[in-house]
N, C-alpha and C. Protein backbone atom coordinates (compact mmCIF):
# COMPACT_ATOMS: atom_id res chain seq x y z
N MET A 1 85.79 146.50 32.79
CA MET A 1 85.14 145.24 33.11
C MET A 1 86.14 144.10 32.99
N MET A 2 86.05 143.16 33.90
CA MET A 2 86.87 141.95 33.83
C MET A 2 85.97 140.76 34.06
N ARG A 3 86.32 139.63 33.41
CA ARG A 3 85.60 138.39 33.66
C ARG A 3 86.53 137.23 33.35
N LEU A 4 86.38 136.17 34.10
CA LEU A 4 87.15 134.96 33.87
C LEU A 4 86.58 134.26 32.65
N SER A 5 87.43 133.96 31.66
CA SER A 5 86.93 133.32 30.44
C SER A 5 87.32 131.86 30.33
N HIS A 6 88.52 131.49 30.85
CA HIS A 6 89.04 130.13 30.69
C HIS A 6 89.81 129.69 31.92
N ILE A 7 89.83 128.42 32.10
CA ILE A 7 90.84 127.77 32.92
C ILE A 7 91.65 126.98 31.93
N ARG A 8 92.97 127.13 31.94
CA ARG A 8 93.82 126.43 30.98
C ARG A 8 94.69 125.41 31.72
N LEU A 9 94.54 124.15 31.33
CA LEU A 9 95.38 123.09 31.86
C LEU A 9 96.57 122.92 30.92
N LEU A 10 97.76 122.98 31.49
CA LEU A 10 98.98 122.80 30.72
C LEU A 10 99.43 121.35 30.91
N THR A 11 99.59 120.62 29.82
CA THR A 11 99.77 119.18 29.92
C THR A 11 100.91 118.65 29.06
N ARG A 12 101.45 117.55 29.50
CA ARG A 12 102.42 116.79 28.70
C ARG A 12 101.70 115.65 27.97
N GLN A 13 100.42 115.46 28.26
CA GLN A 13 99.63 114.37 27.69
C GLN A 13 98.40 114.92 26.98
N PHE A 14 98.62 115.74 25.98
CA PHE A 14 97.51 116.44 25.33
C PHE A 14 96.41 115.52 24.82
N PRO A 15 96.72 114.49 24.01
CA PRO A 15 95.62 113.66 23.47
C PRO A 15 94.79 113.00 24.57
N GLU A 16 95.46 112.50 25.63
CA GLU A 16 94.74 111.84 26.71
C GLU A 16 93.83 112.81 27.45
N LEU A 17 94.34 114.01 27.73
CA LEU A 17 93.53 115.00 28.44
C LEU A 17 92.37 115.47 27.58
N PHE A 18 92.62 115.70 26.30
CA PHE A 18 91.56 116.10 25.39
C PHE A 18 90.43 115.08 25.40
N ARG A 19 90.77 113.81 25.22
CA ARG A 19 89.74 112.75 25.20
C ARG A 19 89.02 112.65 26.55
N PHE A 20 89.76 112.79 27.63
CA PHE A 20 89.17 112.69 28.97
C PHE A 20 88.08 113.74 29.17
N TYR A 21 88.40 115.00 28.92
CA TYR A 21 87.42 116.06 29.16
C TYR A 21 86.30 116.05 28.12
N ARG A 22 86.58 115.65 26.90
CA ARG A 22 85.55 115.55 25.88
C ARG A 22 84.63 114.36 26.15
N ASP A 23 85.21 113.19 26.45
CA ASP A 23 84.42 111.96 26.55
C ASP A 23 83.88 111.70 27.95
N ALA A 24 84.69 111.86 28.97
CA ALA A 24 84.25 111.53 30.33
C ALA A 24 83.32 112.60 30.90
N LEU A 25 83.67 113.87 30.71
CA LEU A 25 82.83 114.94 31.24
C LEU A 25 81.89 115.52 30.19
N GLU A 26 82.05 115.08 28.96
CA GLU A 26 81.18 115.48 27.86
C GLU A 26 81.17 116.98 27.62
N PHE A 27 82.34 117.63 27.81
CA PHE A 27 82.46 119.04 27.47
C PHE A 27 82.50 119.14 25.94
N ARG A 28 81.75 120.08 25.40
CA ARG A 28 81.67 120.26 23.95
C ARG A 28 82.92 120.96 23.44
N VAL A 29 83.49 120.42 22.37
CA VAL A 29 84.71 120.99 21.78
C VAL A 29 84.33 122.21 20.95
N ARG A 30 84.91 123.34 21.31
CA ARG A 30 84.73 124.57 20.53
C ARG A 30 85.83 124.68 19.48
N TRP A 31 87.03 124.22 19.84
CA TRP A 31 88.18 124.39 18.97
C TRP A 31 89.19 123.29 19.27
N GLY A 32 89.81 122.75 18.24
CA GLY A 32 90.89 121.80 18.41
C GLY A 32 90.44 120.35 18.31
N ASP A 33 91.45 119.49 18.29
CA ASP A 33 91.20 118.05 18.28
C ASP A 33 92.35 117.36 19.01
N GLU A 34 92.24 116.06 19.18
CA GLU A 34 93.23 115.34 19.99
C GLU A 34 94.61 115.27 19.36
N ASP A 35 94.74 115.63 18.10
CA ASP A 35 96.05 115.61 17.44
C ASP A 35 96.77 116.95 17.54
N GLY A 36 96.15 117.93 18.15
CA GLY A 36 96.73 119.27 18.22
C GLY A 36 97.54 119.51 19.48
N VAL A 37 97.77 120.80 19.76
CA VAL A 37 98.46 121.21 20.98
C VAL A 37 97.61 122.16 21.81
N TYR A 38 96.44 122.56 21.26
CA TYR A 38 95.53 123.46 21.97
C TYR A 38 94.10 123.07 21.66
N ALA A 39 93.25 123.14 22.69
CA ALA A 39 91.82 122.91 22.50
C ALA A 39 91.05 123.80 23.47
N ASP A 40 89.86 124.16 23.06
CA ASP A 40 88.97 124.96 23.87
C ASP A 40 87.66 124.19 23.99
N LEU A 41 87.22 123.95 25.24
CA LEU A 41 86.01 123.17 25.48
C LEU A 41 85.00 123.98 26.27
N ASP A 42 83.74 123.85 25.89
CA ASP A 42 82.64 124.53 26.56
C ASP A 42 82.20 123.69 27.76
N THR A 43 82.35 124.24 28.96
CA THR A 43 81.98 123.51 30.18
C THR A 43 80.50 123.64 30.50
N GLY A 44 79.82 124.54 29.80
CA GLY A 44 78.42 124.78 30.09
C GLY A 44 78.20 125.69 31.27
N ALA A 45 79.27 126.25 31.81
CA ALA A 45 79.17 127.08 33.02
C ALA A 45 79.59 128.52 32.79
N GLY A 46 79.80 128.91 31.53
CA GLY A 46 80.21 130.28 31.25
C GLY A 46 81.71 130.50 31.33
N VAL A 47 82.46 129.51 31.76
CA VAL A 47 83.91 129.56 31.78
C VAL A 47 84.40 128.35 31.00
N ASP A 48 85.19 128.58 29.98
CA ASP A 48 85.68 127.48 29.15
C ASP A 48 86.89 126.81 29.78
N LEU A 49 87.12 125.58 29.35
CA LEU A 49 88.32 124.86 29.74
C LEU A 49 89.21 124.78 28.51
N ALA A 50 90.43 125.25 28.64
CA ALA A 50 91.40 125.15 27.56
C ALA A 50 92.46 124.13 27.97
N ILE A 51 92.94 123.40 26.99
CA ILE A 51 94.01 122.43 27.21
C ILE A 51 95.12 122.83 26.25
N PHE A 52 96.34 122.91 26.77
CA PHE A 52 97.46 123.39 25.95
C PHE A 52 98.72 122.61 26.31
N SER A 53 99.53 122.37 25.34
CA SER A 53 100.80 121.68 25.56
C SER A 53 101.65 122.46 26.57
N ARG A 54 102.08 121.77 27.62
CA ARG A 54 102.92 122.41 28.63
C ARG A 54 104.23 122.91 28.03
N GLN A 55 104.81 122.14 27.13
CA GLN A 55 106.07 122.53 26.49
C GLN A 55 105.88 123.79 25.64
N ARG A 56 104.79 123.85 24.86
CA ARG A 56 104.55 125.03 24.02
C ARG A 56 104.33 126.28 24.88
N MET A 57 103.64 126.13 26.00
CA MET A 57 103.42 127.27 26.89
C MET A 57 104.75 127.71 27.50
N ALA A 58 105.57 126.74 27.90
CA ALA A 58 106.88 127.06 28.47
C ALA A 58 107.74 127.82 27.46
N GLU A 59 107.67 127.43 26.21
CA GLU A 59 108.41 128.15 25.16
C GLU A 59 107.91 129.58 25.03
N MET A 60 106.60 129.77 25.14
CA MET A 60 106.01 131.11 25.00
C MET A 60 106.42 132.04 26.13
N VAL A 61 106.52 131.50 27.35
CA VAL A 61 106.82 132.37 28.50
C VAL A 61 108.29 132.28 28.93
N GLY A 62 109.10 131.56 28.16
CA GLY A 62 110.53 131.51 28.42
C GLY A 62 110.96 130.66 29.59
N THR A 63 110.21 129.59 29.90
CA THR A 63 110.59 128.73 31.02
C THR A 63 110.88 127.29 30.57
N SER A 64 111.15 127.09 29.30
CA SER A 64 111.35 125.72 28.81
C SER A 64 112.62 125.08 29.38
N ASP A 65 113.51 125.88 29.97
CA ASP A 65 114.71 125.32 30.58
C ASP A 65 114.49 124.93 32.05
N GLN A 66 113.27 125.15 32.58
CA GLN A 66 112.94 124.82 33.96
C GLN A 66 112.34 123.42 34.04
N PRO A 67 112.43 122.76 35.22
CA PRO A 67 111.82 121.43 35.37
C PRO A 67 110.31 121.50 35.14
N SER A 68 109.77 120.48 34.48
CA SER A 68 108.33 120.49 34.18
C SER A 68 107.54 119.62 35.14
N GLU A 69 108.21 118.92 36.04
CA GLU A 69 107.50 118.04 36.98
C GLU A 69 106.90 118.86 38.11
N ARG A 70 105.77 118.40 38.57
CA ARG A 70 105.09 118.98 39.71
C ARG A 70 105.83 118.56 40.98
N SER A 71 105.86 119.42 41.96
CA SER A 71 106.43 119.00 43.24
C SER A 71 105.54 119.50 44.36
N GLY A 72 105.48 118.75 45.42
CA GLY A 72 104.71 119.18 46.58
C GLY A 72 103.22 119.01 46.41
N GLN A 73 102.50 119.82 47.14
CA GLN A 73 101.05 119.73 47.16
C GLN A 73 100.44 120.36 45.91
N ASP A 74 99.20 119.99 45.64
CA ASP A 74 98.51 120.49 44.45
C ASP A 74 98.35 122.01 44.51
N PRO A 75 98.68 122.71 43.43
CA PRO A 75 98.50 124.16 43.42
C PRO A 75 97.10 124.59 42.97
N VAL A 76 96.31 123.66 42.41
CA VAL A 76 95.01 124.02 41.87
C VAL A 76 94.09 122.80 41.86
N MET A 77 92.78 123.05 41.95
CA MET A 77 91.81 121.97 41.83
C MET A 77 90.64 122.51 41.03
N MET A 78 90.15 121.71 40.10
CA MET A 78 88.97 122.06 39.33
C MET A 78 87.76 121.46 40.04
N ILE A 79 86.74 122.28 40.27
CA ILE A 79 85.54 121.83 40.94
C ILE A 79 84.40 121.82 39.92
N ILE A 80 83.75 120.66 39.80
CA ILE A 80 82.70 120.49 38.81
C ILE A 80 81.43 120.04 39.53
N ILE A 81 80.36 120.80 39.37
CA ILE A 81 79.07 120.46 39.96
C ILE A 81 78.38 119.48 39.02
N VAL A 82 77.91 118.38 39.59
CA VAL A 82 77.24 117.32 38.81
C VAL A 82 75.93 116.95 39.49
N ASP A 83 75.06 116.25 38.75
CA ASP A 83 73.80 115.80 39.35
C ASP A 83 74.00 114.57 40.21
N ASP A 84 74.91 113.69 39.80
CA ASP A 84 75.11 112.41 40.49
C ASP A 84 76.61 112.15 40.64
N VAL A 85 77.13 112.41 41.82
CA VAL A 85 78.57 112.28 42.08
C VAL A 85 79.04 110.84 41.84
N ASP A 86 78.30 109.88 42.32
CA ASP A 86 78.72 108.48 42.20
C ASP A 86 78.82 108.06 40.73
N PHE A 87 77.80 108.39 39.94
CA PHE A 87 77.79 108.04 38.53
C PHE A 87 78.96 108.70 37.80
N ARG A 88 79.13 110.01 38.01
CA ARG A 88 80.19 110.74 37.30
C ARG A 88 81.58 110.27 37.74
N ALA A 89 81.76 109.98 39.01
CA ALA A 89 83.07 109.48 39.46
C ALA A 89 83.40 108.17 38.75
N ASN A 90 82.43 107.27 38.68
CA ASN A 90 82.67 106.01 37.96
C ASN A 90 82.95 106.24 36.49
N ARG A 91 82.23 107.17 35.88
CA ARG A 91 82.46 107.47 34.45
C ARG A 91 83.87 108.00 34.24
N LEU A 92 84.33 108.89 35.11
CA LEU A 92 85.67 109.42 34.97
C LEU A 92 86.72 108.33 35.14
N ILE A 93 86.50 107.43 36.08
CA ILE A 93 87.43 106.32 36.28
C ILE A 93 87.49 105.45 35.02
N GLU A 94 86.34 105.20 34.41
CA GLU A 94 86.30 104.43 33.16
C GLU A 94 87.11 105.09 32.05
N HIS A 95 87.27 106.41 32.14
CA HIS A 95 88.00 107.17 31.13
C HIS A 95 89.41 107.55 31.58
N GLY A 96 89.94 106.85 32.57
CA GLY A 96 91.34 107.05 32.93
C GLY A 96 91.63 107.87 34.16
N ALA A 97 90.61 108.34 34.87
CA ALA A 97 90.86 109.09 36.10
C ALA A 97 91.27 108.13 37.22
N THR A 98 91.98 108.66 38.18
CA THR A 98 92.38 107.91 39.36
C THR A 98 91.59 108.44 40.55
N LEU A 99 90.95 107.54 41.28
CA LEU A 99 90.16 107.94 42.44
C LEU A 99 91.09 108.30 43.60
N VAL A 100 90.86 109.47 44.19
CA VAL A 100 91.61 109.92 45.36
C VAL A 100 90.76 109.70 46.61
N ASN A 101 89.53 110.21 46.59
CA ASN A 101 88.56 110.02 47.68
C ASN A 101 87.25 109.59 47.07
N PRO A 102 86.65 108.50 47.56
CA PRO A 102 85.39 108.03 46.99
C PRO A 102 84.25 109.01 47.30
N PRO A 103 83.13 108.87 46.59
CA PRO A 103 81.98 109.72 46.89
C PRO A 103 81.57 109.60 48.35
N THR A 104 81.48 110.76 49.00
CA THR A 104 81.20 110.82 50.43
C THR A 104 80.36 112.05 50.73
N ASP A 105 79.37 111.89 51.60
CA ASP A 105 78.62 113.05 52.07
C ASP A 105 79.52 113.88 52.98
N GLN A 106 79.46 115.20 52.80
CA GLN A 106 80.23 116.15 53.61
C GLN A 106 79.23 117.09 54.30
N PRO A 107 78.57 116.64 55.38
CA PRO A 107 77.52 117.46 56.01
C PRO A 107 78.00 118.83 56.49
N ASP A 108 79.28 118.95 56.87
CA ASP A 108 79.80 120.24 57.32
C ASP A 108 79.97 121.23 56.17
N HIS A 109 79.97 120.72 54.93
CA HIS A 109 80.10 121.58 53.75
C HIS A 109 78.82 121.61 52.92
N GLY A 110 77.85 120.75 53.25
CA GLY A 110 76.58 120.73 52.55
C GLY A 110 76.63 120.10 51.18
N ILE A 111 77.63 119.24 50.95
CA ILE A 111 77.78 118.61 49.63
C ILE A 111 78.10 117.13 49.75
N ARG A 112 77.89 116.41 48.68
CA ARG A 112 78.43 115.08 48.47
C ARG A 112 79.54 115.28 47.47
N SER A 113 80.72 114.73 47.73
CA SER A 113 81.85 114.99 46.84
C SER A 113 82.71 113.75 46.64
N ALA A 114 83.48 113.81 45.57
CA ALA A 114 84.51 112.80 45.28
C ALA A 114 85.70 113.56 44.71
N HIS A 115 86.90 113.03 44.95
CA HIS A 115 88.11 113.64 44.41
C HIS A 115 88.82 112.63 43.52
N LEU A 116 89.23 113.11 42.35
CA LEU A 116 89.90 112.26 41.37
C LEU A 116 91.04 113.04 40.73
N ARG A 117 91.88 112.33 40.03
CA ARG A 117 92.92 112.96 39.22
C ARG A 117 92.68 112.60 37.76
N ASP A 118 92.77 113.61 36.91
CA ASP A 118 92.63 113.35 35.48
C ASP A 118 93.89 112.64 35.00
N PRO A 119 93.96 112.23 33.73
CA PRO A 119 95.14 111.48 33.26
C PRO A 119 96.47 112.22 33.40
N ASP A 120 96.43 113.54 33.57
CA ASP A 120 97.66 114.31 33.73
C ASP A 120 97.96 114.60 35.20
N GLY A 121 97.12 114.12 36.11
CA GLY A 121 97.36 114.31 37.53
C GLY A 121 96.68 115.52 38.15
N ASN A 122 95.91 116.28 37.36
CA ASN A 122 95.20 117.44 37.91
C ASN A 122 94.09 116.96 38.85
N LEU A 123 93.95 117.64 39.97
CA LEU A 123 92.96 117.29 40.97
C LEU A 123 91.59 117.85 40.60
N ILE A 124 90.58 116.98 40.66
CA ILE A 124 89.20 117.34 40.32
C ILE A 124 88.31 116.99 41.51
N GLU A 125 87.42 117.91 41.86
CA GLU A 125 86.37 117.60 42.82
C GLU A 125 85.05 117.60 42.07
N LEU A 126 84.31 116.51 42.20
CA LEU A 126 82.93 116.45 41.74
C LEU A 126 82.07 116.68 42.96
N ASN A 127 81.04 117.52 42.84
CA ASN A 127 80.17 117.66 44.00
C ASN A 127 78.75 117.99 43.58
N THR A 128 77.86 117.72 44.50
CA THR A 128 76.46 118.09 44.37
C THR A 128 75.98 118.51 45.75
N GLU A 129 75.04 119.44 45.78
CA GLU A 129 74.54 119.94 47.06
C GLU A 129 73.67 118.89 47.74
N LEU A 130 73.88 118.75 49.03
CA LEU A 130 73.02 117.88 49.84
C LEU A 130 71.76 118.64 50.21
N PRO A 131 70.66 117.95 50.40
CA PRO A 131 69.48 118.63 50.95
C PRO A 131 69.84 119.20 52.32
N GLN A 132 69.27 120.34 52.67
CA GLN A 132 69.60 120.98 53.95
C GLN A 132 69.31 120.08 55.14
N THR A 133 68.41 119.14 55.00
CA THR A 133 68.12 118.21 56.10
C THR A 133 69.32 117.31 56.40
N ARG A 134 70.27 117.21 55.46
CA ARG A 134 71.46 116.39 55.68
C ARG A 134 72.70 117.23 56.00
N TRP A 135 72.53 118.55 56.12
CA TRP A 135 73.62 119.43 56.53
C TRP A 135 73.86 119.25 58.02
N SER A 136 75.07 119.54 58.46
CA SER A 136 75.34 119.53 59.90
C SER A 136 74.64 120.72 60.55
N GLU A 137 74.40 120.60 61.84
CA GLU A 137 73.76 121.70 62.57
C GLU A 137 74.61 122.97 62.49
N THR A 138 75.92 122.81 62.55
CA THR A 138 76.84 123.96 62.45
C THR A 138 76.63 124.69 61.13
N LEU A 139 76.53 123.97 60.04
CA LEU A 139 76.33 124.59 58.72
C LEU A 139 74.95 125.25 58.63
N ARG A 140 73.95 124.62 59.19
CA ARG A 140 72.61 125.23 59.16
C ARG A 140 72.60 126.56 59.92
N GLN A 141 73.27 126.60 61.06
CA GLN A 141 73.34 127.84 61.84
C GLN A 141 74.13 128.91 61.08
N LEU A 142 75.24 128.52 60.48
CA LEU A 142 76.04 129.47 59.69
C LEU A 142 75.21 130.01 58.53
N ASN A 143 74.48 129.15 57.86
CA ASN A 143 73.63 129.56 56.74
C ASN A 143 72.58 130.58 57.20
N LYS A 144 72.01 130.36 58.38
CA LYS A 144 71.03 131.33 58.90
C LYS A 144 71.68 132.68 59.14
N ARG A 145 72.89 132.69 59.73
CA ARG A 145 73.59 133.95 60.01
C ARG A 145 73.95 134.68 58.72
N VAL A 146 74.46 133.95 57.74
CA VAL A 146 74.89 134.57 56.48
C VAL A 146 73.70 135.14 55.73
N ASN A 147 72.61 134.41 55.68
CA ASN A 147 71.44 134.86 54.93
C ASN A 147 70.63 135.93 55.66
N ARG A 148 70.89 136.11 56.93
CA ARG A 148 70.22 137.16 57.71
C ARG A 148 70.90 138.50 57.47
N ASP A 149 72.20 138.48 57.23
CA ASP A 149 72.97 139.74 57.09
C ASP A 149 72.83 140.36 55.75
């Protein structure tokens, strides 16, 4: 048996990231505090979020002599389902997030979404499902085909 247990963000800004996910997204702390190098937070979705010092992880895997800066396009994005995209986007901004794309209906995807960056630059999508009456016709037809099979 295999199951995904954690997503681990490796950061150079541990205290800021810890406070951001604890305070802005209200993830419950299972382990650690903002003065540490590792924390485990309960996302409420069955997969925990871990935050760990990027330098300490590099030491563990033998890459501390490699550049630590990100280059190019984002390699990962965390997607968080929320009840109110607009409210949560504003809350994250109040806690240090940077807005990338404002809350917008995405009828071709059946969601309302916003994209932000946490204090360490990780890309986050907040989304909530749109009522099917606001889906595009293309998505409604695809949904019928998928659910028929």
